Each structure stands twice: as C-alpha cells, then as structure tokens.
Amino acid sequence: WSFQMHGEDFVPDIVTMGKPMGNGHPMACVVTTKEIAEAFSSSGMEYFNTYGGNPVSSAVGLAVLNIIENEDLQGNAIRVGDYLTELLNKQKAKHTLIGEIRGIGLFIGIDLVKDRQKRTPATEEAQHIIYKMKEKRVLLSADGPHRNVLKIKPPMCFTEEDAKFMVDQLDEILTVLEEGIGAQSESVISENAPCRAK
C-alpha cells in the first residue's frame, strides 16, 4: 500500500480504499485501529449502510486480495515499474520534450517541457501525445497544474512486454512531433533571416 513508502514503522490510524479493491465491482473499505472503531461504536452512533458487508462484495474483495498476494502483483508493480522507468529515462536522453520522469512502481509521470532549463510546460504537446497514443491503443492522461505531465497508471498485471510496447509507441510519436517542431523552428529562422538582394 502506498503508505508503506514511508517506512515499516509508519502505521496510519485510518486507511480508506475504493474502486480498485473491487476490480470493477463497486465497493469501498475503511481500515482503522481497534481503539478508533470502539470509540465510534461507544458514542451511541450506530453505523448503517444498506449494502455494507454483503456476501457478494465481501467475496469480491477477498478474491482481489488473494490475487494480489498469490500473483505477487505488488512485486510485479515494483519490477515492471523499475523497468518502465529505465526505458523512459532512455527516452529522456533521446527526446528534448521530456523534462523529468518521476513516480514509484507503476504510477509514473512524464513531465513534458518546451525548454528544460526554463521548465516551460509543453501542454499542447502533451495533449497531442495523449491523442496519438490513444490511436495506438495506449491510454494515458494528463496531470499537473499545466496538464503537461503524462500520467501512467496501468493495471497491476502490466508486464515488461506491455511496458516495451508503450514506450516504443511513445518514442515514435515523440520523434515525429520533435521533427515537426524542429521544421517549424527552421522555418521561423529562415523567415527572419536578413534578405541580401543585389
């Protein structure tokens, strides 16, 4: 769970979980300490939820937890996430639009910038890439205050083959996009160049 990034000694008082724990089945969960749970019930307030704890949702939640454990999906997220980050860092060395790669596990952001020194957000380029990736059957979204961070958050069963495919598609799109940007820059330079006529 994400709070584990803060160390083994960090134990939260309350953890809430939502949609992913049902793998498509609508459910949510609250985990808390015994003391907090007892304080809630001893207040005289009775907790009531029409569908809370029904056998179908309970079975679904347990099945999801079993799959996460039995198929080592947390370990897979770390292994494949590290591999994906490595592939993306190679793309960063190749493509000037990539300013930074950050994240953990399979939750990764690709910060797109027009200028790495000034960190100018490449918002339009991010939207273009998302559209083109969708054409190649890869779904990404944009995040950040300038909507210039490509957000990667695949399912936990994502494989190294899937990561390679995704990065190959991204590489193609970035190559074409940067060639187009370079051609536009050269055109502007030639238009502004002083004319020497006899």
Protein backbone atom coordinates (compact mmCIF):
# COMPACT_ATOMS: atom_id res chain seq x y z
CA TRP A 1 0.00 0.00 0.00
CA SER A 2 1.25 3.50 -0.71
CA PHE A 3 1.68 4.43 2.95
CA GLN A 4 4.38 1.75 3.14
CA MET A 5 6.67 4.11 1.20
CA HIS A 6 7.08 6.00 4.48
CA GLY A 7 8.76 3.07 6.25
CA GLU A 8 7.77 -0.01 8.21
CA ASP A 9 7.32 2.00 11.41
CA PHE A 10 4.63 4.20 9.86
CA VAL A 11 1.19 2.88 10.81
CA PRO A 12 -1.75 5.07 9.79
CA ASP A 13 -4.79 5.45 12.03
CA ILE A 14 -7.25 5.15 9.16
CA VAL A 15 -6.85 3.81 5.61
CA THR A 16 -9.61 4.18 3.01
CA MET A 17 -9.76 2.12 -0.18
CA GLY A 18 -12.06 2.46 -3.15
CA LYS A 19 -12.71 1.19 -6.66
CA PRO A 20 -9.52 -0.81 -7.32
CA MET A 21 -10.19 -3.20 -4.45
CA GLY A 22 -13.26 -4.48 -6.29
CA ASN A 23 -11.56 -4.85 -9.69
CA GLY A 24 -14.66 -3.37 -11.35
CA HIS A 25 -17.17 -4.31 -8.67
CA PRO A 26 -18.31 -1.14 -6.85
CA MET A 27 -17.03 -1.26 -3.32
CA ALA A 28 -15.02 0.66 -0.75
CA CYS A 29 -13.41 -0.11 2.57
CA VAL A 30 -12.21 1.59 5.73
CA VAL A 31 -9.49 0.02 7.89
CA THR A 32 -8.78 1.55 11.25
CA THR A 33 -7.38 0.75 14.66
CA LYS A 34 -9.41 -1.13 17.24
CA GLU A 35 -9.41 1.93 19.51
CA ILE A 36 -10.92 4.20 16.83
CA ALA A 37 -13.53 1.60 15.87
CA GLU A 38 -14.52 1.11 19.52
CA ALA A 39 -14.69 4.87 20.11
CA PHE A 40 -17.08 5.17 17.17
CA SER A 41 -19.40 2.41 18.43
CA SER A 42 -19.28 3.54 22.09
CA SER A 43 -20.52 7.02 21.11
CA GLY A 44 -24.03 5.62 20.70
CA MET A 45 -23.98 6.28 16.96
CA GLU A 46 -24.96 3.15 15.07
CA TYR A 47 -23.27 2.68 11.71
CA PHE A 48 -25.69 1.73 8.97
CA ASN A 49 -25.14 1.06 5.28
CA THR A 50 -27.76 -0.55 3.06
CA TYR A 51 -25.25 -2.74 1.22
CA GLY A 52 -22.40 -2.73 3.73
CA GLY A 53 -20.69 -6.08 4.20
CA ASN A 54 -22.93 -8.00 1.80
CA PRO A 55 -21.66 -11.50 0.95
CA VAL A 56 -21.10 -10.79 -2.76
CA SER A 57 -18.96 -7.69 -2.16
CA SER A 58 -17.10 -9.44 0.64
CA ALA A 59 -16.30 -12.37 -1.69
CA VAL A 60 -15.13 -10.00 -4.42
CA GLY A 61 -12.87 -8.07 -2.03
CA LEU A 62 -11.33 -11.26 -0.66
CA ALA A 63 -10.77 -12.61 -4.19
CA VAL A 64 -8.96 -9.40 -5.19
CA LEU A 65 -6.75 -9.54 -2.06
CA ASN A 66 -5.95 -13.21 -2.77
CA ILE A 67 -4.96 -12.44 -6.38
CA ILE A 68 -2.74 -9.53 -5.26
CA GLU A 69 -0.95 -11.86 -2.85
CA ASN A 70 -0.90 -15.11 -4.87
CA GLU A 71 0.25 -13.47 -8.12
CA ASP A 72 2.68 -11.12 -6.34
CA LEU A 73 1.16 -8.08 -8.02
CA GLN A 74 2.90 -5.68 -5.63
CA GLY A 75 6.25 -7.24 -6.54
CA ASN A 76 5.28 -7.07 -10.21
CA ALA A 77 4.49 -3.37 -9.86
CA ILE A 78 7.96 -2.73 -8.46
CA ARG A 79 9.80 -4.87 -11.05
CA VAL A 80 7.89 -3.68 -14.10
CA GLY A 81 7.77 -0.11 -12.78
CA ASP A 82 11.56 -0.06 -12.43
CA TYR A 83 11.93 -1.46 -15.96
CA LEU A 84 9.45 1.09 -17.35
CA THR A 85 11.26 3.94 -15.59
CA GLU A 86 14.57 2.71 -17.05
CA LEU A 87 13.08 2.66 -20.57
CA LEU A 88 11.59 6.13 -20.09
CA ASN A 89 14.90 7.55 -18.85
CA LYS A 90 16.49 6.31 -22.09
CA GLN A 91 13.78 8.23 -23.95
CA LYS A 92 14.55 11.30 -21.86
CA ALA A 93 18.13 11.19 -23.12
CA LYS A 94 16.79 11.00 -26.68
CA HIS A 95 13.87 13.44 -26.61
CA THR A 96 14.20 17.07 -25.51
CA LEU A 97 10.47 17.34 -24.73
CA ILE A 98 10.90 15.02 -21.73
CA GLY A 99 11.92 17.14 -18.76
CA GLU A 100 11.65 14.62 -15.94
CA ILE A 101 10.48 11.09 -15.14
CA ARG A 102 9.11 10.59 -11.64
CA GLY A 103 6.98 8.15 -9.71
CA ILE A 104 7.09 4.82 -7.94
CA GLY A 105 6.02 1.37 -9.02
CA LEU A 106 3.60 1.58 -11.93
CA PHE A 107 2.42 5.10 -11.09
CA ILE A 108 4.73 7.25 -13.22
CA GLY A 109 4.65 10.81 -14.54
CA ILE A 110 6.46 12.10 -17.62
CA ASP A 111 6.94 15.87 -17.31
CA LEU A 112 6.88 17.41 -20.80
CA VAL A 113 8.64 20.75 -21.25
CA LYS A 114 9.46 23.01 -24.18
CA ASP A 115 12.69 24.11 -22.51
CA ARG A 116 14.47 22.01 -19.88
CA GLN A 117 16.27 24.99 -18.35
CA LYS A 118 13.19 27.20 -18.02
CA ARG A 119 10.87 24.21 -17.38
CA THR A 120 8.29 25.72 -19.75
CA PRO A 121 5.27 23.36 -19.73
CA ALA A 122 4.55 21.61 -23.03
CA THR A 123 0.78 21.46 -22.54
CA GLU A 124 -0.29 21.32 -26.20
CA GLU A 125 2.32 18.67 -26.93
CA ALA A 126 1.07 16.55 -24.02
CA GLN A 127 -2.49 16.67 -25.37
CA HIS A 128 -1.24 15.76 -28.84
CA ILE A 129 0.71 12.78 -27.47
CA ILE A 130 -2.30 11.54 -25.48
CA TYR A 131 -4.45 11.68 -28.63
CA LYS A 132 -1.84 9.91 -30.78
CA MET A 133 -1.19 7.25 -28.11
CA LYS A 134 -4.93 6.55 -27.99
CA GLU A 135 -4.81 5.90 -31.74
CA LYS A 136 -2.13 3.30 -30.98
CA ARG A 137 -4.39 1.71 -28.32
CA VAL A 138 -2.45 3.09 -25.33
CA LEU A 139 -4.41 5.16 -22.81
CA LEU A 140 -2.65 7.94 -20.92
CA SER A 141 -3.94 11.06 -19.23
CA ALA A 142 -2.53 14.48 -18.36
CA ASP A 143 -1.95 15.81 -14.88
CA GLY A 144 -0.32 18.73 -13.12
CA PRO A 145 -1.35 22.38 -12.92
CA HIS A 146 -0.41 22.90 -16.57
CA ARG A 147 -1.71 19.48 -17.78
CA ASN A 148 1.76 18.75 -19.20
CA VAL A 149 2.55 15.60 -17.20
CA LEU A 150 1.72 12.33 -18.92
CA LYS A 151 0.25 10.10 -16.22
CA ILE A 152 0.91 6.37 -16.50
CA LYS A 153 -1.14 4.16 -14.19
CA PRO A 154 -1.69 0.75 -15.77
CA PRO A 155 -3.26 -2.25 -14.05
CA MET A 156 -1.01 -4.17 -11.65
CA CYS A 157 -0.80 -7.11 -14.09
CA PHE A 158 1.10 -4.85 -16.57
CA THR A 159 4.11 -6.75 -17.97
CA GLU A 160 7.57 -5.83 -19.25
CA GLU A 161 6.28 -6.60 -22.78
CA ASP A 162 3.45 -4.11 -22.23
CA ALA A 163 5.96 -1.52 -20.96
CA LYS A 164 8.19 -2.00 -24.02
CA PHE A 165 5.20 -1.67 -26.37
CA MET A 166 4.05 1.52 -24.65
CA VAL A 167 7.50 3.13 -24.75
CA ASP A 168 8.02 2.14 -28.40
CA GLN A 169 4.76 3.90 -29.31
CA LEU A 170 5.73 6.96 -27.29
CA ASP A 171 9.16 7.05 -28.94
CA GLU A 172 7.58 7.08 -32.43
CA ILE A 173 5.17 9.87 -31.54
CA LEU A 174 7.85 12.00 -29.85
CA THR A 175 10.19 11.54 -32.83
CA VAL A 176 7.56 12.77 -35.32
CA LEU A 177 6.46 15.59 -33.01
CA GLU A 178 10.00 16.86 -32.38
CA GLU A 179 10.83 16.68 -36.09
CA GLY A 180 7.75 18.82 -36.76
CA ILE A 181 8.75 21.31 -34.05
CA GLY A 182 12.28 21.45 -35.49
CA ALA A 183 10.95 22.09 -39.00
CA GLN A 184 8.74 24.91 -37.70
CA SER A 185 11.71 26.48 -35.88
CA GLU A 186 13.86 26.37 -39.02
CA SER A 187 11.03 27.95 -41.00
CA VAL A 188 10.74 30.84 -38.50
CA ILE A 189 14.52 31.36 -38.55
CA SER A 190 14.64 31.47 -42.35
CA GLU A 191 11.72 33.93 -42.45
CA ASN A 192 13.52 36.24 -40.00
CA ALA A 193 16.89 35.98 -41.73
CA PRO A 194 18.04 39.23 -43.43
CA CYS A 195 17.49 39.21 -47.18
CA ARG A 196 20.51 40.02 -49.35
CA ALA A 197 19.34 41.07 -52.77
CA LYS A 198 21.55 42.57 -55.49
